[in-house]
Amino acid sequence: MILPATMVLVAIDHLAPVRACAEAILAGARRRGSSYDFIAASVLRAQTRYLQGELVEAEADARLADALAVEHEAHSARRYTVAWLLVVLVERGLAAEAHEALAASGVRGTTAYLLAARGRMHLALGHAAEAVDDFVACGERLAHRGIHHPGVLPWQAGVASALHRLGREPEAVAAADEAVRVARRFAAPRALGIALRVRGLVSGTIAPMREAVVLLEPTPARLELARSRVDLGAALRRANHRVDARTELAAGQDLARRCGADALVERAGEELRAAGARPRRLAVSGADALTASERRVAELAADGLSNRDVAQALFVTTKTVETHLGHAYRKLGVTGRDELAARLP
């Protein structure tokens, strides 16, 4: 089975072989015209791209996978396509859209992934009590399946964050301490970095956040590193260490921007202004301004694929490809596909 093997590799942050596996399945699905395999591989690639901080690309994969699941009535697959779509939309600053997408899907929280995604969505929307329930249910579902590694889904850190929002500080600190203990036991750098960052937040201490940054720097978890830098910078600002705060916040914002984490970019900007800095304006043109779908189409076109080939590769219509490509041309300031490669990172 592919799923158990990839789950283990994801938990220990060995993402390269998982990504290669997803790419191989996608190539095979295109050759055979297998929509189901394409959906499964797109979800897997969306997961690895999210973990590596490639949110624009992850959003494109998640949207396409979910659209195909709807078209082909792959109802069981939607528990995963919707889950990853929610996660990415929240990070992109689109929590309200995530809520609408979940409601419209009719999918219920029957998997640990969907429960964790719904918990993050509720937390972003300010529904902390609902977030606690979702994260606890996620932990129970994982335990029922005998899954205890925090690198699969860091649900305990989610519980701590939600309890902190509710003002239940002793419980929040206890949950964060447990998250740190479990992550240290499994020697899971990404999960430990997340747990330490949350431990610093709920306790109001800077040291755990500094350790989180050090731990996450050598890992592929670019988004979590950006989040840890922003939270560390915010804590330093509150402690009146403004120079150090601006350094961390600027680094965190720059990394968040490269990840496509618009919600984090905005929060870092607010903190930078509070620390006396003037953050850069967001891009309205260039590669950073492309939507997830526009970027995916532009990348394939830059690789030499015709509009028809791109449509077949993405299981969409040629008209859809033409629309996205036209938007990409305008934002990139090009007039033809031969200029695309030079404008895309």
Protein backbone atom coordinates (compact mmCIF):
# COMPACT_ATOMS: atom_id res chain seq x y z
CA MET A 1 0.00 0.00 0.00
CA ILE A 2 1.27 3.45 -0.89
CA LEU A 3 -0.56 5.41 1.80
CA PRO A 4 1.01 3.83 4.93
CA ALA A 5 4.50 4.17 3.46
CA THR A 6 4.01 7.80 2.50
CA MET A 7 2.46 8.55 5.90
CA VAL A 8 5.61 7.32 7.62
CA LEU A 9 7.86 9.34 5.31
CA VAL A 10 5.79 12.48 5.82
CA ALA A 11 5.87 12.03 9.60
CA ILE A 12 9.68 12.00 9.60
CA ASP A 13 9.92 14.83 7.03
CA HIS A 14 11.42 12.72 4.24
CA LEU A 15 9.34 14.52 1.65
CA ALA A 16 11.46 14.08 -1.50
CA PRO A 17 10.56 10.40 -2.05
CA VAL A 18 6.89 11.15 -1.34
CA ARG A 19 6.95 13.94 -3.90
CA ALA A 20 8.65 11.64 -6.42
CA CYS A 21 6.00 8.99 -5.77
CA ALA A 22 3.21 11.51 -6.36
CA GLU A 23 4.81 12.69 -9.60
CA ALA A 24 5.19 9.11 -10.85
CA ILE A 25 1.54 8.32 -10.10
CA LEU A 26 0.45 11.54 -11.83
CA ALA A 27 2.43 10.63 -14.95
CA GLY A 28 0.90 7.17 -15.01
CA ALA A 29 -2.58 8.57 -14.45
CA ARG A 30 -2.17 10.91 -17.43
CA ARG A 31 -1.05 8.05 -19.68
CA ARG A 32 -3.94 5.81 -18.64
CA GLY A 33 -6.52 8.57 -18.31
CA SER A 34 -7.18 7.46 -14.72
CA SER A 35 -8.98 10.27 -12.92
CA TYR A 36 -9.01 8.39 -9.60
CA ASP A 37 -5.22 7.95 -9.54
CA PHE A 38 -4.83 11.57 -10.63
CA ILE A 39 -6.98 12.71 -7.69
CA ALA A 40 -5.06 10.59 -5.18
CA ALA A 41 -1.66 11.71 -6.46
CA SER A 42 -2.74 15.36 -6.55
CA VAL A 43 -3.78 15.16 -2.90
CA LEU A 44 -0.45 13.58 -2.02
CA ARG A 45 1.46 16.25 -3.90
CA ALA A 46 -0.66 18.99 -2.32
CA GLN A 47 0.32 17.64 1.09
CA THR A 48 4.05 17.64 0.35
CA ARG A 49 3.88 21.06 -1.27
CA TYR A 50 2.05 22.46 1.74
CA LEU A 51 4.63 20.99 4.13
CA GLN A 52 7.45 22.43 2.00
CA GLY A 53 5.84 25.86 1.97
CA GLU A 54 4.67 25.89 -1.66
CA LEU A 55 1.14 27.07 -0.99
CA VAL A 56 0.27 28.43 -4.42
CA GLU A 57 1.13 25.09 -6.00
CA ALA A 58 -0.56 23.17 -3.17
CA GLU A 59 -3.74 25.18 -3.67
CA ALA A 60 -3.73 24.37 -7.39
CA ASP A 61 -3.37 20.66 -6.67
CA ALA A 62 -6.08 20.67 -4.00
CA ARG A 63 -8.56 22.64 -6.12
CA LEU A 64 -8.03 20.45 -9.16
CA ALA A 65 -8.27 17.23 -7.14
CA ASP A 66 -11.50 18.35 -5.50
CA ALA A 67 -13.03 19.50 -8.78
CA LEU A 68 -12.24 16.12 -10.35
CA ALA A 69 -13.63 14.28 -7.32
CA VAL A 70 -16.90 16.18 -7.75
CA GLU A 71 -17.00 15.57 -11.50
CA HIS A 72 -16.38 11.84 -11.16
CA GLU A 73 -18.51 11.45 -8.02
CA ALA A 74 -15.56 10.14 -6.01
CA HIS A 75 -17.32 10.83 -2.72
CA SER A 76 -14.84 9.01 -0.45
CA ALA A 77 -11.93 10.90 -2.00
CA ARG A 78 -13.52 14.23 -1.09
CA ARG A 79 -12.81 13.64 2.59
CA TYR A 80 -9.17 14.21 1.63
CA THR A 81 -9.47 16.68 -1.23
CA VAL A 82 -11.63 18.97 0.90
CA ALA A 83 -9.33 18.56 3.91
CA TRP A 84 -6.24 19.78 2.07
CA LEU A 85 -8.18 22.49 0.30
CA LEU A 86 -9.30 23.84 3.69
CA VAL A 87 -5.77 23.78 5.11
CA VAL A 88 -4.28 25.63 2.15
CA LEU A 89 -7.10 28.19 1.93
CA VAL A 90 -6.66 29.05 5.62
CA GLU A 91 -2.94 29.62 5.13
CA ARG A 92 -3.67 31.71 2.06
CA GLY A 93 -5.85 34.00 4.18
CA LEU A 94 -9.13 32.63 2.83
CA ALA A 95 -10.69 31.12 5.94
CA ALA A 96 -14.18 32.38 5.04
CA GLU A 97 -13.88 30.77 1.60
CA ALA A 98 -12.75 27.56 3.28
CA HIS A 99 -15.86 27.63 5.48
CA GLU A 100 -18.08 28.12 2.42
CA ALA A 101 -16.30 25.31 0.56
CA LEU A 102 -16.79 22.90 3.45
CA ALA A 103 -20.46 23.77 3.79
CA ALA A 104 -21.06 23.41 0.06
CA SER A 105 -19.25 20.08 -0.10
CA GLY A 106 -21.53 18.34 2.38
CA VAL A 107 -18.50 16.35 3.56
CA ARG A 108 -18.49 15.52 7.26
CA GLY A 109 -15.50 15.25 9.60
CA THR A 110 -15.03 11.51 9.38
CA THR A 111 -11.24 11.36 8.94
CA ALA A 112 -8.42 12.65 11.12
CA TYR A 113 -7.19 14.85 8.25
CA LEU A 114 -10.57 16.49 7.79
CA LEU A 115 -11.03 17.00 11.54
CA ALA A 116 -7.59 18.64 11.80
CA ALA A 117 -8.31 20.83 8.78
CA ARG A 118 -11.67 21.88 10.19
CA GLY A 119 -10.00 22.66 13.52
CA ARG A 120 -7.53 24.98 11.80
CA MET A 121 -10.34 26.64 9.89
CA HIS A 122 -12.36 27.19 13.08
CA LEU A 123 -9.29 28.62 14.80
CA ALA A 124 -8.71 31.06 11.93
CA LEU A 125 -12.36 32.11 12.07
CA GLY A 126 -12.22 32.71 15.84
CA HIS A 127 -14.35 29.67 16.72
CA ALA A 128 -11.96 28.40 19.37
CA ALA A 129 -14.40 26.10 21.20
CA GLU A 130 -15.24 24.28 17.97
CA ALA A 131 -11.52 24.07 17.19
CA VAL A 132 -10.85 22.34 20.51
CA ASP A 133 -13.53 19.76 19.77
CA ASP A 134 -12.15 19.11 16.27
CA PHE A 135 -8.52 18.71 17.39
CA VAL A 136 -9.47 16.42 20.28
CA ALA A 137 -11.60 14.30 17.94
CA CYS A 138 -8.65 14.17 15.51
CA GLY A 139 -6.39 12.85 18.28
CA GLU A 140 -8.96 10.24 19.24
CA ARG A 141 -9.31 9.09 15.64
CA LEU A 142 -5.53 8.75 15.25
CA ALA A 143 -5.22 6.86 18.55
CA HIS A 144 -7.99 4.49 17.47
CA ARG A 145 -5.91 3.67 14.39
CA GLY A 146 -2.78 3.23 16.50
CA ILE A 147 -1.10 6.37 15.11
CA HIS A 148 0.79 8.32 17.77
CA HIS A 149 3.59 10.05 15.84
CA PRO A 150 3.01 13.84 16.05
CA GLY A 151 4.52 14.34 12.61
CA VAL A 152 1.39 12.91 11.00
CA LEU A 153 -0.94 15.58 12.39
CA PRO A 154 0.18 17.87 15.28
CA TRP A 155 -3.27 17.91 16.85
CA GLN A 156 -2.06 18.51 20.44
CA ALA A 157 -0.49 21.83 19.46
CA GLY A 158 -3.83 22.70 17.89
CA VAL A 159 -5.63 21.94 21.15
CA ALA A 160 -3.18 24.15 23.07
CA SER A 161 -3.63 27.05 20.63
CA ALA A 162 -7.42 26.84 20.81
CA LEU A 163 -7.46 26.63 24.61
CA HIS A 164 -5.19 29.67 24.73
CA ARG A 165 -7.69 31.59 22.57
CA LEU A 166 -10.40 30.66 25.07
CA GLY A 167 -8.34 32.00 27.99
CA ARG A 168 -8.01 28.55 29.55
CA GLU A 169 -4.30 29.07 30.20
CA PRO A 170 -3.49 26.20 32.62
CA GLU A 171 -5.08 23.70 30.22
CA ALA A 172 -3.35 25.33 27.25
CA VAL A 173 0.07 25.10 28.91
CA ALA A 174 -0.57 21.47 29.87
CA ALA A 175 -1.57 20.60 26.30
CA ALA A 176 1.50 22.39 24.90
CA ASP A 177 3.78 20.62 27.37
CA GLU A 178 2.33 17.28 26.30
CA ALA A 179 2.87 18.19 22.64
CA VAL A 180 6.52 19.02 23.37
CA ARG A 181 7.00 15.81 25.37
CA VAL A 182 5.59 13.59 22.62
CA ALA A 183 7.56 15.34 19.87
CA ARG A 184 10.81 14.99 21.84
CA ARG A 185 10.09 11.29 22.41
CA PHE A 186 9.70 10.72 18.68
CA ALA A 187 12.60 13.06 17.80
CA ALA A 188 10.38 14.81 15.25
CA PRO A 189 11.92 18.23 14.41
CA ARG A 190 8.92 19.70 12.57
CA ALA A 191 6.41 18.55 15.17
CA LEU A 192 8.72 19.66 17.97
CA GLY A 193 9.22 23.06 16.36
CA ILE A 194 5.45 23.52 16.16
CA ALA A 195 4.98 22.39 19.76
CA LEU A 196 7.73 24.68 21.07
CA ARG A 197 6.34 27.67 19.20
CA VAL A 198 2.91 27.06 20.69
CA ARG A 199 4.45 26.47 24.13
CA GLY A 200 6.06 29.89 23.92
CA LEU A 201 2.81 31.49 22.82
CA VAL A 202 0.61 30.04 25.55
CA SER A 203 3.18 30.69 28.31
CA GLY A 204 4.38 34.07 27.07
CA THR A 205 8.02 32.96 27.04
CA ILE A 206 10.56 33.60 24.29
CA ALA A 207 13.04 30.74 24.81
CA PRO A 208 10.82 27.97 23.35
CA MET A 209 10.22 30.08 20.25
CA ARG A 210 13.95 30.60 19.73
CA GLU A 211 14.48 26.84 20.00
CA ALA A 212 11.68 26.30 17.47
CA VAL A 213 13.43 28.53 14.92
CA VAL A 214 16.75 26.73 15.41
CA LEU A 215 15.08 23.33 15.04
CA LEU A 216 13.09 24.21 11.93
CA GLU A 217 15.84 25.96 9.96
CA PRO A 218 17.47 22.76 8.62
CA THR A 219 14.12 21.07 7.85
CA PRO A 220 12.05 21.40 4.66
CA ALA A 221 9.23 22.97 6.72
CA ARG A 222 9.56 26.50 5.29
CA LEU A 223 6.05 27.56 6.28
CA GLU A 224 6.48 26.49 9.90
CA LEU A 225 9.82 28.29 10.04
CA ALA A 226 8.17 31.46 8.74
CA ARG A 227 5.41 31.14 11.34
CA SER A 228 7.93 30.60 14.13
CA ARG A 229 9.95 33.65 13.09
CA VAL A 230 6.86 35.84 12.99
CA ASP A 231 5.67 34.62 16.41
CA LEU A 232 9.17 35.06 17.85
CA GLY A 233 9.34 38.58 16.40
CA ALA A 234 5.95 39.44 17.87
CA ALA A 235 7.05 38.16 21.29
CA LEU A 236 10.26 40.19 21.09
CA ARG A 237 8.25 43.29 20.21
CA ARG A 238 5.99 42.80 23.21
CA ALA A 239 9.13 42.47 25.34
CA ASN A 240 10.31 45.81 23.89
CA HIS A 241 13.26 44.28 21.97
CA ARG A 242 12.30 46.21 18.86
CA VAL A 243 15.48 45.84 16.81
CA ASP A 244 15.58 42.06 17.23
CA ALA A 245 11.84 41.94 16.67
CA ARG A 246 12.10 43.71 13.33
CA THR A 247 14.85 41.34 12.20
CA GLU A 248 12.77 38.24 12.94
CA LEU A 249 9.55 39.72 11.60
CA ALA A 250 11.13 40.84 8.34
CA ALA A 251 12.74 37.42 7.82
CA GLY A 252 9.49 35.68 8.67
CA GLN A 253 7.45 37.90 6.37
CA ASP A 254 9.84 37.42 3.46
CA LEU A 255 9.74 33.65 3.86
CA ALA A 256 5.95 33.69 4.27
CA ARG A 257 5.64 35.72 1.06
CA ARG A 258 7.76 33.20 -0.82
CA CYS A 259 5.54 30.43 0.58
CA GLY A 260 2.39 32.20 -0.56
CA ALA A 261 1.11 32.36 3.04
CA ASP A 262 -0.87 35.56 2.63
CA ALA A 263 -2.47 35.45 6.08
CA LEU A 264 0.95 35.20 7.73
CA VAL A 265 2.36 37.94 5.50
CA GLU A 266 -0.43 40.27 6.62
CA ARG A 267 0.07 39.47 10.31
CA ALA A 268 3.83 39.98 10.01
CA GLY A 269 3.15 43.34 8.38
CA GLU A 270 0.94 44.40 11.28
CA GLU A 271 3.64 43.41 13.76
CA LEU A 272 6.33 45.20 11.74
CA ARG A 273 4.33 48.40 11.74
CA ALA A 274 3.81 48.07 15.49
CA ALA A 275 7.59 47.61 15.84
CA GLY A 276 8.25 50.81 13.89
CA ALA A 277 9.12 49.33 10.50
CA ARG A 278 7.58 49.87 7.07
CA PRO A 279 6.92 46.50 5.43
CA ARG A 280 6.96 46.10 1.66
CA ARG A 281 3.76 46.26 -0.36
CA LEU A 282 2.30 43.04 -1.75
CA ALA A 283 2.82 42.23 -5.41
CA VAL A 284 0.05 43.02 -7.90
CA SER A 285 2.06 41.88 -10.90
CA GLY A 286 4.83 39.38 -11.57
CA ALA A 287 5.02 35.72 -10.60
CA ASP A 288 3.92 36.38 -7.01
CA ALA A 289 0.62 37.80 -8.26
CA LEU A 290 -0.40 34.63 -10.13
CA THR A 291 -3.21 32.55 -8.72
CA ALA A 292 -2.64 28.87 -8.08
CA SER A 293 -4.35 27.80 -11.30
CA GLU A 294 -2.66 30.50 -13.39
CA ARG A 295 0.75 29.46 -12.16
CA ARG A 296 0.13 25.77 -12.85
CA VAL A 297 -1.01 26.46 -16.43
CA ALA A 298 1.86 28.91 -17.05
CA GLU A 299 4.44 26.42 -15.80
CA LEU A 300 3.20 23.68 -18.11
CA ALA A 301 3.01 26.09 -21.04
CA ALA A 302 6.58 27.22 -20.29
CA ASP A 303 7.63 23.57 -20.49
CA GLY A 304 6.48 23.55 -24.11
CA LEU A 305 3.04 21.97 -23.80
CA SER A 306 0.31 23.19 -26.13
CA ASN A 307 -2.98 24.44 -24.69
CA ARG A 308 -4.57 21.11 -25.58
CA ASP A 309 -1.75 19.19 -23.88
CA VAL A 310 -2.05 21.35 -20.76
CA ALA A 311 -5.81 20.74 -20.67
CA GLN A 312 -5.29 16.99 -20.92
CA ALA A 313 -2.56 17.02 -18.28
CA LEU A 314 -4.77 18.90 -15.82
CA PHE A 315 -8.07 17.21 -16.78
CA VAL A 316 -9.65 20.60 -17.62
CA THR A 317 -11.04 22.20 -20.79
CA THR A 318 -8.95 24.04 -23.37
CA LYS A 319 -11.05 27.15 -22.73
CA THR A 320 -10.05 27.08 -19.06
CA VAL A 321 -6.39 26.85 -20.05
CA GLU A 322 -6.76 29.80 -22.43
CA THR A 323 -8.37 31.92 -19.71
CA HIS A 324 -5.69 31.19 -17.11
CA LEU A 325 -2.90 31.67 -19.63
CA GLY A 326 -4.28 35.04 -20.69
CA HIS A 327 -4.36 36.23 -17.08
CA ALA A 328 -0.81 34.96 -16.58
CA TYR A 329 0.44 36.82 -19.67
CA ARG A 330 -1.02 40.08 -18.37
CA LYS A 331 0.40 39.73 -14.86
CA LEU A 332 3.82 38.65 -16.11
CA GLY A 333 3.97 41.30 -18.81
CA VAL A 334 4.60 38.83 -21.64
CA THR A 335 2.96 38.32 -25.02
CA GLY A 336 3.70 34.65 -25.69
CA ARG A 337 4.61 31.32 -24.11
CA ASP A 338 8.24 31.56 -25.28
CA GLU A 339 8.72 34.35 -22.71
CA LEU A 340 7.18 32.51 -19.79
CA ALA A 341 10.20 30.53 -18.60
CA ALA A 342 12.25 33.68 -18.04
CA ARG A 343 9.51 35.23 -15.87
CA LEU A 344 8.73 32.21 -13.69
CA PRO A 345 11.05 31.39 -10.74
